[in-house]
């Protein structure tokens, strides 16, 4: 194997490794954000439509400073997963039968 071929193979392996590591970190951060949203709703006792609460971070900000906020995406994922409900007044609540433990087992089975 020539030196240039070895260098190309090493670069490809490095790029693939960087991609896998960044995707893993992003998944972990997204999972943490989902857990934060659920805990926030549990803390505010938003368990049904009548007790729904507004979440100030539910919509992404146009001007953003600092690190990325994964909570708006987490709210969307939780809505699509049927864990969190949204009312017409843009307030949010936990749907029946879901707790943080059930959610983790359902979407993040490796967090057992």
PDB file of N, CA and C in Angstrom:
ATOM      1  N   UNK A   1       0.835  -1.176   0.000  1.00  0.00           N
ATOM      2  CA  UNK A   1       0.000   0.000   0.000  1.00  0.00           C
ATOM      3  C   UNK A   1       0.887   1.249   0.000  1.00  0.00           C
ATOM      4  N   UNK A   2       0.553   2.169  -0.872  1.00  0.00           N
ATOM      5  CA  UNK A   2       1.363   3.381  -0.930  1.00  0.00           C
ATOM      6  C   UNK A   2       0.958   4.343   0.182  1.00  0.00           C
ATOM      7  N   UNK A   3       1.791   5.317   0.400  1.00  0.00           N
ATOM      8  CA  UNK A   3       1.579   6.279   1.476  1.00  0.00           C
ATOM      9  C   UNK A   3       0.320   7.121   1.242  1.00  0.00           C
ATOM     10  N   UNK A   4       0.077   7.498  -0.013  1.00  0.00           N
ATOM     11  CA  UNK A   4      -1.093   8.328  -0.306  1.00  0.00           C
ATOM     12  C   UNK A   4      -2.395   7.546  -0.128  1.00  0.00           C
ATOM     13  N   UNK A   5      -2.395   6.276  -0.485  1.00  0.00           N
ATOM     14  CA  UNK A   5      -3.587   5.448  -0.292  1.00  0.00           C
ATOM     15  C   UNK A   5      -3.887   5.285   1.192  1.00  0.00           C
ATOM     16  N   UNK A   6      -2.858   5.072   1.974  1.00  0.00           N
ATOM     17  CA  UNK A   6      -3.028   4.933   3.415  1.00  0.00           C
ATOM     18  C   UNK A   6      -3.563   6.230   4.026  1.00  0.00           C
ATOM     19  N   UNK A   7      -3.087   7.354   3.572  1.00  0.00           N
ATOM     20  CA  UNK A   7      -3.554   8.649   4.064  1.00  0.00           C
ATOM     21  C   UNK A   7      -5.025   8.860   3.730  1.00  0.00           C
ATOM     22  N   UNK A   8      -5.430   8.499   2.530  1.00  0.00           N
ATOM     23  CA  UNK A   8      -6.835   8.637   2.128  1.00  0.00           C
ATOM     24  C   UNK A   8      -7.727   7.752   2.985  1.00  0.00           C
ATOM     25  N   UNK A   9      -7.308   6.528   3.230  1.00  0.00           N
ATOM     26  CA  UNK A   9      -8.090   5.599   4.065  1.00  0.00           C
ATOM     27  C   UNK A   9      -8.195   6.138   5.488  1.00  0.00           C
ATOM     28  N   UNK A  10      -7.103   6.654   6.031  1.00  0.00           N
ATOM     29  CA  UNK A  10      -7.137   7.231   7.375  1.00  0.00           C
ATOM     30  C   UNK A  10      -8.077   8.428   7.448  1.00  0.00           C
ATOM     31  N   UNK A  11      -8.081   9.267   6.429  1.00  0.00           N
ATOM     32  CA  UNK A  11      -8.988  10.431   6.397  1.00  0.00           C
ATOM     33  C   UNK A  11     -10.448   9.987   6.335  1.00  0.00           C
ATOM     34  N   UNK A  12     -10.740   8.977   5.545  1.00  0.00           N
ATOM     35  CA  UNK A  12     -12.112   8.466   5.449  1.00  0.00           C
ATOM     36  C   UNK A  12     -12.562   7.902   6.785  1.00  0.00           C
ATOM     37  N   UNK A  13     -11.697   7.142   7.446  1.00  0.00           N
ATOM     38  CA  UNK A  13     -12.029   6.580   8.759  1.00  0.00           C
ATOM     39  C   UNK A  13     -12.232   7.696   9.770  1.00  0.00           C
ATOM     40  N   UNK A  14     -11.411   8.724   9.726  1.00  0.00           N
ATOM     41  CA  UNK A  14     -11.548   9.862  10.638  1.00  0.00           C
ATOM     42  C   UNK A  14     -12.873  10.594  10.412  1.00  0.00           C
ATOM     43  N   UNK A  15     -13.257  10.810   9.170  1.00  0.00           N
ATOM     44  CA  UNK A  15     -14.517  11.494   8.856  1.00  0.00           C
ATOM     45  C   UNK A  15     -15.710  10.667   9.329  1.00  0.00           C
ATOM     46  N   UNK A  16     -15.675   9.372   9.076  1.00  0.00           N
ATOM     47  CA  UNK A  16     -16.776   8.500   9.521  1.00  0.00           C
ATOM     48  C   UNK A  16     -16.865   8.483  11.037  1.00  0.00           C
ATOM     49  N   UNK A  17     -15.721   8.410  11.708  1.00  0.00           N
ATOM     50  CA  UNK A  17     -15.709   8.409  13.176  1.00  0.00           C
ATOM     51  C   UNK A  17     -16.260   9.715  13.730  1.00  0.00           C
ATOM     52  N   UNK A  18     -15.864  10.840  13.140  1.00  0.00           N
ATOM     53  CA  UNK A  18     -16.361  12.147  13.597  1.00  0.00           C
ATOM     54  C   UNK A  18     -17.873  12.237  13.399  1.00  0.00           C
ATOM     55  N   UNK A  19     -18.367  11.722  12.293  1.00  0.00           N
ATOM     56  CA  UNK A  19     -19.801  11.736  12.031  1.00  0.00           C
ATOM     57  C   UNK A  19     -20.551  10.918  13.090  1.00  0.00           C
ATOM     58  N   UNK A  20     -20.067   9.729  13.377  1.00  0.00           N
ATOM     59  CA  UNK A  20     -20.723   8.861  14.366  1.00  0.00           C
ATOM     60  C   UNK A  20     -20.701   9.508  15.751  1.00  0.00           C
ATOM     61  N   UNK A  21     -19.575  10.082  16.138  1.00  0.00           N
ATOM     62  CA  UNK A  21     -19.469  10.719  17.460  1.00  0.00           C
ATOM     63  C   UNK A  21     -20.407  11.917  17.566  1.00  0.00           C
ATOM     64  N   UNK A  22     -20.459  12.768  16.541  1.00  0.00           N
ATOM     65  CA  UNK A  22     -21.338  13.935  16.614  1.00  0.00           C
ATOM     66  C   UNK A  22     -22.809  13.531  16.627  1.00  0.00           C
ATOM     67  N   UNK A  23     -23.186  12.524  15.868  1.00  0.00           N
ATOM     68  CA  UNK A  23     -24.583  12.061  15.873  1.00  0.00           C
ATOM     69  C   UNK A  23     -24.950  11.466  17.232  1.00  0.00           C
ATOM     70  N   UNK A  24     -24.023  10.762  17.854  1.00  0.00           N
ATOM     71  CA  UNK A  24     -24.275  10.192  19.180  1.00  0.00           C
ATOM     72  C   UNK A  24     -24.454  11.301  20.210  1.00  0.00           C
ATOM     73  N   UNK A  25     -23.606  12.316  20.162  1.00  0.00           N
ATOM     74  CA  UNK A  25     -23.719  13.432  21.106  1.00  0.00           C
ATOM     75  C   UNK A  25     -25.027  14.184  20.890  1.00  0.00           C
ATOM     76  N   UNK A  26     -25.404  14.413  19.635  1.00  0.00           N
ATOM     77  CA  UNK A  26     -26.665  15.102  19.354  1.00  0.00           C
ATOM     78  C   UNK A  26     -27.865  14.294  19.857  1.00  0.00           C
ATOM     79  N   UNK A  27     -27.825  12.986  19.686  1.00  0.00           N
ATOM     80  CA  UNK A  27     -28.902  12.136  20.196  1.00  0.00           C
ATOM     81  C   UNK A  27     -28.994  12.195  21.709  1.00  0.00           C
ATOM     82  N   UNK A  28     -27.867  12.194  22.372  1.00  0.00           N
ATOM     83  CA  UNK A  28     -27.846  12.278  23.832  1.00  0.00           C
ATOM     84  C   UNK A  28     -28.416  13.618  24.298  1.00  0.00           C
ATOM     85  N   UNK A  29     -28.005  14.716  23.638  1.00  0.00           N
ATOM     86  CA  UNK A  29     -28.525  16.035  24.002  1.00  0.00           C
ATOM     87  C   UNK A  29     -30.028  16.133  23.750  1.00  0.00           C
ATOM     88  N   UNK A  30     -30.492  15.526  22.653  1.00  0.00           N
ATOM     89  CA  UNK A  30     -31.924  15.544  22.347  1.00  0.00           C
ATOM     90  C   UNK A  30     -32.704  14.746  23.392  1.00  0.00           C
ATOM     91  N   UNK A  31     -32.158  13.622  23.802  1.00  0.00           N
ATOM     92  CA  UNK A  31     -32.808  12.825  24.844  1.00  0.00           C
ATOM     93  C   UNK A  31     -32.888  13.571  26.164  1.00  0.00           C
ATOM     94  N   UNK A  32     -31.818  14.281  26.502  1.00  0.00           N
ATOM     95  CA  UNK A  32     -31.834  15.106  27.719  1.00  0.00           C
ATOM     96  C   UNK A  32     -32.875  16.209  27.630  1.00  0.00           C
ATOM     97  N   UNK A  33     -32.996  16.815  26.459  1.00  0.00           N
ATOM     98  CA  UNK A  33     -33.986  17.875  26.278  1.00  0.00           C
ATOM     99  C   UNK A  33     -35.403  17.324  26.418  1.00  0.00           C
ATOM    100  N   UNK A  34     -35.655  16.145  25.881  1.00  0.00           N
ATOM    101  CA  UNK A  34     -36.984  15.515  26.023  1.00  0.00           C
ATOM    102  C   UNK A  34     -37.286  15.250  27.491  1.00  0.00           C
ATOM    103  N   UNK A  35     -36.311  14.754  28.208  1.00  0.00           N
ATOM    104  CA  UNK A  35     -36.503  14.497  29.631  1.00  0.00           C
ATOM    105  C   UNK A  35     -36.755  15.791  30.389  1.00  0.00           C
ATOM    106  N   UNK A  36     -36.057  16.871  30.026  1.00  0.00           N
ATOM    107  CA  UNK A  36     -36.271  18.167  30.681  1.00  0.00           C
ATOM    108  C   UNK A  36     -37.684  18.678  30.448  1.00  0.00           C
ATOM    109  N   UNK A  37     -38.186  18.531  29.228  1.00  0.00           N
ATOM    110  CA  UNK A  37     -39.541  19.004  28.920  1.00  0.00           C
ATOM    111  C   UNK A  37     -40.560  18.210  29.735  1.00  0.00           C
ATOM    112  N   UNK A  38     -40.387  16.896  29.795  1.00  0.00           N
ATOM    113  CA  UNK A  38     -41.318  16.057  30.563  1.00  0.00           C
ATOM    114  C   UNK A  38     -41.271  16.432  32.037  1.00  0.00           C
ATOM    115  N   UNK A  39     -40.072  16.591  32.585  1.00  0.00           N
ATOM    116  CA  UNK A  39     -39.948  16.967  34.001  1.00  0.00           C
ATOM    117  C   UNK A  39     -40.559  18.334  34.271  1.00  0.00           C
ATOM    118  N   UNK A  40     -40.392  19.255  33.322  1.00  0.00           N
ATOM    119  CA  UNK A  40     -40.978  20.583  33.473  1.00  0.00           C
ATOM    120  C   UNK A  40     -42.506  20.495  33.516  1.00  0.00           C
ATOM    121  N   UNK A  41     -43.085  19.704  32.647  1.00  0.00           N
ATOM    122  CA  UNK A  41     -44.541  19.536  32.640  1.00  0.00           C
ATOM    123  C   UNK A  41     -45.021  18.805  33.896  1.00  0.00           C
ATOM    124  N   UNK A  42     -44.247  17.824  34.366  1.00  0.00           N
ATOM    125  CA  UNK A  42     -44.614  17.124  35.603  1.00  0.00           C
ATOM    126  C   UNK A  42     -44.549  18.073  36.796  1.00  0.00           C
ATOM    127  N   UNK A  43     -43.522  18.926  36.823  1.00  0.00           N
ATOM    128  CA  UNK A  43     -43.349  19.874  37.924  1.00  0.00           C
ATOM    129  C   UNK A  43     -44.501  20.881  37.969  1.00  0.00           C
ATOM    130  N   UNK A  44     -44.974  21.281  36.800  1.00  0.00           N
ATOM    131  CA  UNK A  44     -46.080  22.234  36.735  1.00  0.00           C
ATOM    132  C   UNK A  44     -47.443  21.542  36.785  1.00  0.00           C
ATOM    133  N   UNK A  45     -47.428  20.215  36.948  1.00  0.00           N
ATOM    134  CA  UNK A  45     -48.649  19.397  37.062  1.00  0.00           C
ATOM    135  C   UNK A  45     -49.591  19.599  35.871  1.00  0.00           C
ATOM    136  N   UNK A  46     -49.029  19.621  34.687  1.00  0.00           N
ATOM    137  CA  UNK A  46     -49.815  19.751  33.458  1.00  0.00           C
ATOM    138  C   UNK A  46     -50.151  18.351  32.954  1.00  0.00           C
ATOM    139  N   UNK A  47     -51.195  17.757  33.515  1.00  0.00           N
ATOM    140  CA  UNK A  47     -51.547  16.372  33.216  1.00  0.00           C
ATOM    141  C   UNK A  47     -52.750  16.224  32.286  1.00  0.00           C
ATOM    142  N   UNK A  48     -53.477  17.313  32.012  1.00  0.00           N
ATOM    143  CA  UNK A  48     -54.619  17.242  31.106  1.00  0.00           C
ATOM    144  C   UNK A  48     -54.829  18.612  30.461  1.00  0.00           C
ATOM    145  N   UNK A  49     -55.827  18.683  29.588  1.00  0.00           N
ATOM    146  CA  UNK A  49     -56.078  19.927  28.849  1.00  0.00           C
ATOM    147  C   UNK A  49     -56.385  21.080  29.793  1.00  0.00           C
ATOM    148  N   UNK A  50     -57.113  20.816  30.860  1.00  0.00           N
ATOM    149  CA  UNK A  50     -57.496  21.873  31.800  1.00  0.00           C
ATOM    150  C   UNK A  50     -56.290  22.462  32.531  1.00  0.00           C
ATOM    151  N   UNK A  51     -55.277  21.659  32.764  1.00  0.00           N
ATOM    152  CA  UNK A  51     -54.113  22.142  33.506  1.00  0.00           C
ATOM    153  C   UNK A  51     -52.914  22.424  32.598  1.00  0.00           C
ATOM    154  N   UNK A  52     -53.139  22.532  31.293  1.00  0.00           N
ATOM    155  CA  UNK A  52     -52.057  22.781  30.334  1.00  0.00           C
ATOM    156  C   UNK A  52     -51.374  24.113  30.619  1.00  0.00           C
ATOM    157  N   UNK A  53     -50.074  24.150  30.377  1.00  0.00           N
ATOM    158  CA  UNK A  53     -49.279  25.353  30.663  1.00  0.00           C
ATOM    159  C   UNK A  53     -48.512  25.782  29.412  1.00  0.00           C
ATOM    160  N   UNK A  54     -48.244  27.073  29.293  1.00  0.00           N
ATOM    161  CA  UNK A  54     -47.418  27.514  28.152  1.00  0.00           C
ATOM    162  C   UNK A  54     -45.953  27.167  28.396  1.00  0.00           C
ATOM    163  N   UNK A  55     -45.275  26.797  27.343  1.00  0.00           N
ATOM    164  CA  UNK A  55     -43.841  26.528  27.419  1.00  0.00           C
ATOM    165  C   UNK A  55     -43.124  27.610  26.608  1.00  0.00           C
ATOM    166  N   UNK A  56     -42.398  28.491  27.281  1.00  0.00           N
ATOM    167  CA  UNK A  56     -41.763  29.602  26.565  1.00  0.00           C
ATOM    168  C   UNK A  56     -40.724  29.154  25.545  1.00  0.00           C
ATOM    169  N   UNK A  57     -40.200  27.977  25.703  1.00  0.00           N
ATOM    170  CA  UNK A  57     -39.168  27.481  24.797  1.00  0.00           C
ATOM    171  C   UNK A  57     -39.729  26.570  23.706  1.00  0.00           C
ATOM    172  N   UNK A  58     -41.041  26.475  23.574  1.00  0.00           N
ATOM    173  CA  UNK A  58     -41.643  25.566  22.600  1.00  0.00           C
ATOM    174  C   UNK A  58     -41.395  25.991  21.155  1.00  0.00           C
ATOM    175  N   UNK A  59     -41.246  27.273  20.927  1.00  0.00           N
ATOM    176  CA  UNK A  59     -40.971  27.760  19.576  1.00  0.00           C
ATOM    177  C   UNK A  59     -39.545  28.273  19.517  1.00  0.00           C
ATOM    178  N   UNK A  60     -38.827  27.932  18.448  1.00  0.00           N
ATOM    179  CA  UNK A  60     -37.439  28.388  18.362  1.00  0.00           C
ATOM    180  C   UNK A  60     -37.347  29.905  18.214  1.00  0.00           C
ATOM    181  N   UNK A  61     -36.277  30.457  18.770  1.00  0.00           N
ATOM    182  CA  UNK A  61     -36.047  31.898  18.679  1.00  0.00           C
ATOM    183  C   UNK A  61     -35.341  32.212  17.355  1.00  0.00           C
ATOM    184  N   UNK A  62     -35.655  33.369  16.794  1.00  0.00           N
ATOM    185  CA  UNK A  62     -35.012  33.751  15.543  1.00  0.00           C
ATOM    186  C   UNK A  62     -33.570  34.196  15.777  1.00  0.00           C
ATOM    187  N   UNK A  63     -33.358  34.945  16.846  1.00  0.00           N
ATOM    188  CA  UNK A  63     -32.005  35.379  17.183  1.00  0.00           C
ATOM    189  C   UNK A  63     -31.545  34.541  18.361  1.00  0.00           C
ATOM    190  N   UNK A  64     -30.474  33.814  18.155  1.00  0.00           N
ATOM    191  CA  UNK A  64     -30.023  32.873  19.168  1.00  0.00           C
ATOM    192  C   UNK A  64     -28.568  33.169  19.514  1.00  0.00           C
ATOM    193  N   UNK A  65     -28.293  33.265  20.797  1.00  0.00           N
ATOM    194  CA  UNK A  65     -26.929  33.455  21.271  1.00  0.00           C
ATOM    195  C   UNK A  65     -26.533  32.236  22.092  1.00  0.00           C
ATOM    196  N   UNK A  66     -25.292  31.862  22.019  1.00  0.00           N
ATOM    197  CA  UNK A  66     -24.818  30.749  22.827  1.00  0.00           C
ATOM    198  C   UNK A  66     -25.037  29.406  22.156  1.00  0.00           C
ATOM    199  N   UNK A  67     -25.136  28.386  22.975  1.00  0.00           N
ATOM    200  CA  UNK A  67     -25.279  27.027  22.476  1.00  0.00           C
ATOM    201  C   UNK A  67     -26.687  26.759  21.950  1.00  0.00           C
ATOM    202  N   UNK A  68     -26.822  25.712  21.169  1.00  0.00           N
ATOM    203  CA  UNK A  68     -28.107  25.354  20.589  1.00  0.00           C
ATOM    204  C   UNK A  68     -29.069  24.881  21.667  1.00  0.00           C
ATOM    205  N   UNK A  69     -30.319  25.302  21.540  1.00  0.00           N
ATOM    206  CA  UNK A  69     -31.373  24.875  22.462  1.00  0.00           C
ATOM    207  C   UNK A  69     -32.175  23.765  21.786  1.00  0.00           C
ATOM    208  N   UNK A  70     -32.116  22.559  22.344  1.00  0.00           N
ATOM    209  CA  UNK A  70     -32.787  21.404  21.756  1.00  0.00           C
ATOM    210  C   UNK A  70     -34.237  21.273  22.216  1.00  0.00           C
ATOM    211  N   UNK A  71     -34.673  22.110  23.157  1.00  0.00           N
ATOM    212  CA  UNK A  71     -36.019  21.960  23.707  1.00  0.00           C
ATOM    213  C   UNK A  71     -37.144  22.176  22.698  1.00  0.00           C
ATOM    214  N   UNK A  72     -37.071  23.149  21.757  1.00  0.00           N
ATOM    215  CA  UNK A  72     -38.149  23.257  20.770  1.00  0.00           C
ATOM    216  C   UNK A  72     -38.312  21.986  19.933  1.00  0.00           C
ATOM    217  N   UNK A  73     -37.197  21.390  19.540  1.00  0.00           N
ATOM    218  CA  UNK A  73     -37.255  20.136  18.791  1.00  0.00           C
ATOM    219  C   UNK A  73     -37.777  19.013  19.671  1.00  0.00           C
ATOM    220  N   UNK A  74     -37.414  19.025  20.947  1.00  0.00           N
ATOM    221  CA  UNK A  74     -37.890  17.999  21.877  1.00  0.00           C
ATOM    222  C   UNK A  74     -39.402  18.077  22.042  1.00  0.00           C
ATOM    223  N   UNK A  75     -39.937  19.284  22.123  1.00  0.00           N
ATOM    224  CA  UNK A  75     -41.396  19.445  22.243  1.00  0.00           C
ATOM    225  C   UNK A  75     -42.078  18.868  21.010  1.00  0.00           C
ATOM    226  N   UNK A  76     -41.519  19.135  19.829  1.00  0.00           N
ATOM    227  CA  UNK A  76     -42.096  18.604  18.588  1.00  0.00           C
ATOM    228  C   UNK A  76     -42.032  17.076  18.562  1.00  0.00           C
ATOM    229  N   UNK A  77     -40.897  16.515  18.969  1.00  0.00           N
ATOM    230  CA  UNK A  77     -40.745  15.056  18.993  1.00  0.00           C
ATOM    231  C   UNK A  77     -41.738  14.436  19.969  1.00  0.00           C
ATOM    232  N   UNK A  78     -41.897  15.055  21.142  1.00  0.00           N
ATOM    233  CA  UNK A  78     -42.830  14.531  22.137  1.00  0.00           C
ATOM    234  C   UNK A  78     -44.274  14.617  21.643  1.00  0.00           C
ATOM    235  N   UNK A  79     -44.604  15.648  20.881  1.00  0.00           N
ATOM    236  CA  UNK A  79     -45.944  15.748  20.310  1.00  0.00           C
ATOM    237  C   UNK A  79     -46.158  14.645  19.281  1.00  0.00           C
ATOM    238  N   UNK A  80     -45.186  14.435  18.425  1.00  0.00           N
ATOM    239  CA  UNK A  80     -45.292  13.402  17.400  1.00  0.00           C
ATOM    240  C   UNK A  80     -45.328  12.005  18.007  1.00  0.00           C
ATOM    241  N   UNK A  81     -44.701  11.831  19.158  1.00  0.00           N
ATOM    242  CA  UNK A  81     -44.678  10.532  19.839  1.00  0.00           C
ATOM    243  C   UNK A  81     -45.909  10.314  20.705  1.00  0.00           C
ATOM    244  N   UNK A  82     -46.809  11.288  20.728  1.00  0.00           N
ATOM    245  CA  UNK A  82     -48.055  11.206  21.488  1.00  0.00           C
ATOM    246  C   UNK A  82     -47.804  11.163  23.001  1.00  0.00           C
ATOM    247  N   UNK A  83     -46.763  11.840  23.442  1.00  0.00           N
ATOM    248  CA  UNK A  83     -46.454  11.939  24.865  1.00  0.00           C
ATOM    249  C   UNK A  83     -46.974  13.261  25.410  1.00  0.00           C
ATOM    250  N   UNK A  84     -46.858  14.320  24.596  1.00  0.00           N
ATOM    251  CA  UNK A  84     -47.290  15.663  24.985  1.00  0.00           C
ATOM    252  C   UNK A  84     -48.395  16.112  24.039  1.00  0.00           C
ATOM    253  N   UNK A  85     -49.409  16.756  24.605  1.00  0.00           N
ATOM    254  CA  UNK A  85     -50.490  17.310  23.809  1.00  0.00           C
ATOM    255  C   UNK A  85     -50.406  18.822  23.768  1.00  0.00           C
ATOM    256  N   UNK A  86     -50.991  19.411  22.729  1.00  0.00           N
ATOM    257  CA  UNK A  86     -50.987  20.863  22.568  1.00  0.00           C
ATOM    258  C   UNK A  86     -52.426  21.328  22.382  1.00  0.00           C
ATOM    259  N   UNK A  87     -52.780  22.411  23.069  1.00  0.00           N
ATOM    260  CA  UNK A  87     -54.124  22.962  22.939  1.00  0.00           C
ATOM    261  C   UNK A  87     -54.120  24.060  21.870  1.00  0.00           C
ATOM    262  N   UNK A  88     -55.292  24.569  21.557  1.00  0.00           N
ATOM    263  CA  UNK A  88     -55.405  25.636  20.561  1.00  0.00           C
ATOM    264  C   UNK A  88     -54.773  26.935  21.046  1.00  0.00           C
ATOM    265  N   UNK A  89     -54.634  27.078  22.358  1.00  0.00           N
ATOM    266  CA  UNK A  89     -54.038  28.285  22.942  1.00  0.00           C
ATOM    267  C   UNK A  89     -52.515  28.173  23.079  1.00  0.00           C
ATOM    268  N   UNK A  90     -51.913  27.214  22.408  1.00  0.00           N
ATOM    269  CA  UNK A  90     -50.469  26.965  22.476  1.00  0.00           C
ATOM    270  C   UNK A  90     -49.989  26.665  23.888  1.00  0.00           C
ATOM    271  N   UNK A  91     -50.769  25.885  24.615  1.00  0.00           N
ATOM    272  CA  UNK A  91     -50.331  25.389  25.918  1.00  0.00           C
ATOM    273  C   UNK A  91     -50.137  23.886  25.791  1.00  0.00           C
ATOM    274  N   UNK A  92     -49.315  23.330  26.663  1.00  0.00           N
ATOM    275  CA  UNK A  92     -48.905  21.929  26.533  1.00  0.00           C
ATOM    276  C   UNK A  92     -49.215  21.159  27.812  1.00  0.00           C
ATOM    277  N   UNK A  93     -49.441  19.855  27.655  1.00  0.00           N
ATOM    278  CA  UNK A  93     -49.738  18.983  28.791  1.00  0.00           C
ATOM    279  C   UNK A  93     -49.267  17.574  28.479  1.00  0.00           C
ATOM    280  N   UNK A  94     -49.028  16.790  29.526  1.00  0.00           N
ATOM    281  CA  UNK A  94     -48.677  15.381  29.360  1.00  0.00           C
ATOM    282  C   UNK A  94     -49.949  14.586  29.115  1.00  0.00           C
ATOM    283  N   UNK A  95     -49.916  13.716  28.131  1.00  0.00           N
ATOM    284  CA  UNK A  95     -51.089  12.903  27.845  1.00  0.00           C
ATOM    285  C   UNK A  95     -51.189  11.760  28.854  1.00  0.00           C
ATOM    286  N   UNK A  96     -52.367  11.163  28.945  1.00  0.00           N
ATOM    287  CA  UNK A  96     -52.624  10.088  29.914  1.00  0.00           C
ATOM    288  C   UNK A  96     -51.688   8.901  29.710  1.00  0.00           C
ATOM    289  N   UNK A  97     -51.228   8.351  30.820  1.00  0.00           N
ATOM    290  CA  UNK A  97     -50.474   7.110  30.791  1.00  0.00           C
ATOM    291  C   UNK A  97     -48.993   7.246  30.509  1.00  0.00           C
ATOM    292  N   UNK A  98     -48.478   8.442  30.346  1.00  0.00           N
ATOM    293  CA  UNK A  98     -47.064   8.600  30.048  1.00  0.00           C
ATOM    294  C   UNK A  98     -46.333   9.246  31.206  1.00  0.00           C
ATOM    295  N   UNK A  99     -45.229   8.637  31.575  1.00  0.00           N
ATOM    296  CA  UNK A  99     -44.331   9.215  32.569  1.00  0.00           C
ATOM    297  C   UNK A  99     -42.939   9.224  31.964  1.00  0.00           C
ATOM    298  N   UNK A 100     -41.997   9.825  32.631  1.00  0.00           N
ATOM    299  CA  UNK A 100     -40.632   9.865  32.113  1.00  0.00           C
ATOM    300  C   UNK A 100     -40.089   8.453  31.905  1.00  0.00           C
ATOM    301  N   UNK A 101     -40.421   7.540  32.837  1.00  0.00           N
ATOM    302  CA  UNK A 101     -39.910   6.179  32.741  1.00  0.00           C
ATOM    303  C   UNK A 101     -40.453   5.482  31.495  1.00  0.00           C
ATOM    304  N   UNK A 102     -41.750   5.604  31.249  1.00  0.00           N
ATOM    305  CA  UNK A 102     -42.356   4.968  30.079  1.00  0.00           C
ATOM    306  C   UNK A 102     -41.762   5.566  28.812  1.00  0.00           C
ATOM    307  N   UNK A 103     -41.588   6.874  28.796  1.00  0.00           N
ATOM    308  CA  UNK A 103     -41.035   7.529  27.615  1.00  0.00           C
ATOM    309  C   UNK A 103     -39.624   7.036  27.327  1.00  0.00           C
ATOM    310  N   UNK A 104     -38.792   6.946  28.345  1.00  0.00           N
ATOM    311  CA  UNK A 104     -37.419   6.490  28.134  1.00  0.00           C
ATOM    312  C   UNK A 104     -37.395   5.075  27.577  1.00  0.00           C
ATOM    313  N   UNK A 105     -38.240   4.189  28.127  1.00  0.00           N
ATOM    314  CA  UNK A 105     -38.259   2.814  27.641  1.00  0.00           C
ATOM    315  C   UNK A 105     -38.753   2.731  26.205  1.00  0.00           C
ATOM    316  N   UNK A 106     -39.648   3.624  25.841  1.00  0.00           N
ATOM    317  CA  UNK A 106     -40.247   3.559  24.525  1.00  0.00           C
ATOM    318  C   UNK A 106     -39.332   4.091  23.426  1.00  0.00           C
ATOM    319  N   UNK A 107     -38.700   5.242  23.663  1.00  0.00           N
ATOM    320  CA  UNK A 107     -37.879   5.845  22.622  1.00  0.00           C
ATOM    321  C   UNK A 107     -36.388   5.678  22.846  1.00  0.00           C
ATOM    322  N   UNK A 108     -35.983   5.508  24.096  1.00  0.00           N
ATOM    323  CA  UNK A 108     -34.566   5.361  24.400  1.00  0.00           C
ATOM    324  C   UNK A 108     -34.346   4.078  25.206  1.00  0.00           C
ATOM    325  N   UNK A 109     -34.461   2.909  24.578  1.00  0.00           N
ATOM    326  CA  UNK A 109     -34.359   1.653  25.330  1.00  0.00           C
ATOM    327  C   UNK A 109     -33.009   1.423  25.972  1.00  0.00           C
ATOM    328  N   UNK A 110     -31.959   2.103  25.512  1.00  0.00           N
ATOM    329  CA  UNK A 110     -30.629   1.912  26.096  1.00  0.00           C
ATOM    330  C   UNK A 110     -30.449   2.658  27.404  1.00  0.00           C
ATOM    331  N   UNK A 111     -31.447   3.468  27.828  1.00  0.00           N
ATOM    332  CA  UNK A 111     -31.353   4.219  29.092  1.00  0.00           C
ATOM    333  C   UNK A 111     -31.909   3.447  30.276  1.00  0.00           C
ATOM    334  N   UNK A 112     -32.067   2.170  30.188  1.00  0.00           N
ATOM    335  CA  UNK A 112     -32.653   1.379  31.291  1.00  0.00           C
ATOM    336  C   UNK A 112     -31.710   1.307  32.453  1.00  0.00           C
TER     337      UNK A 112
END
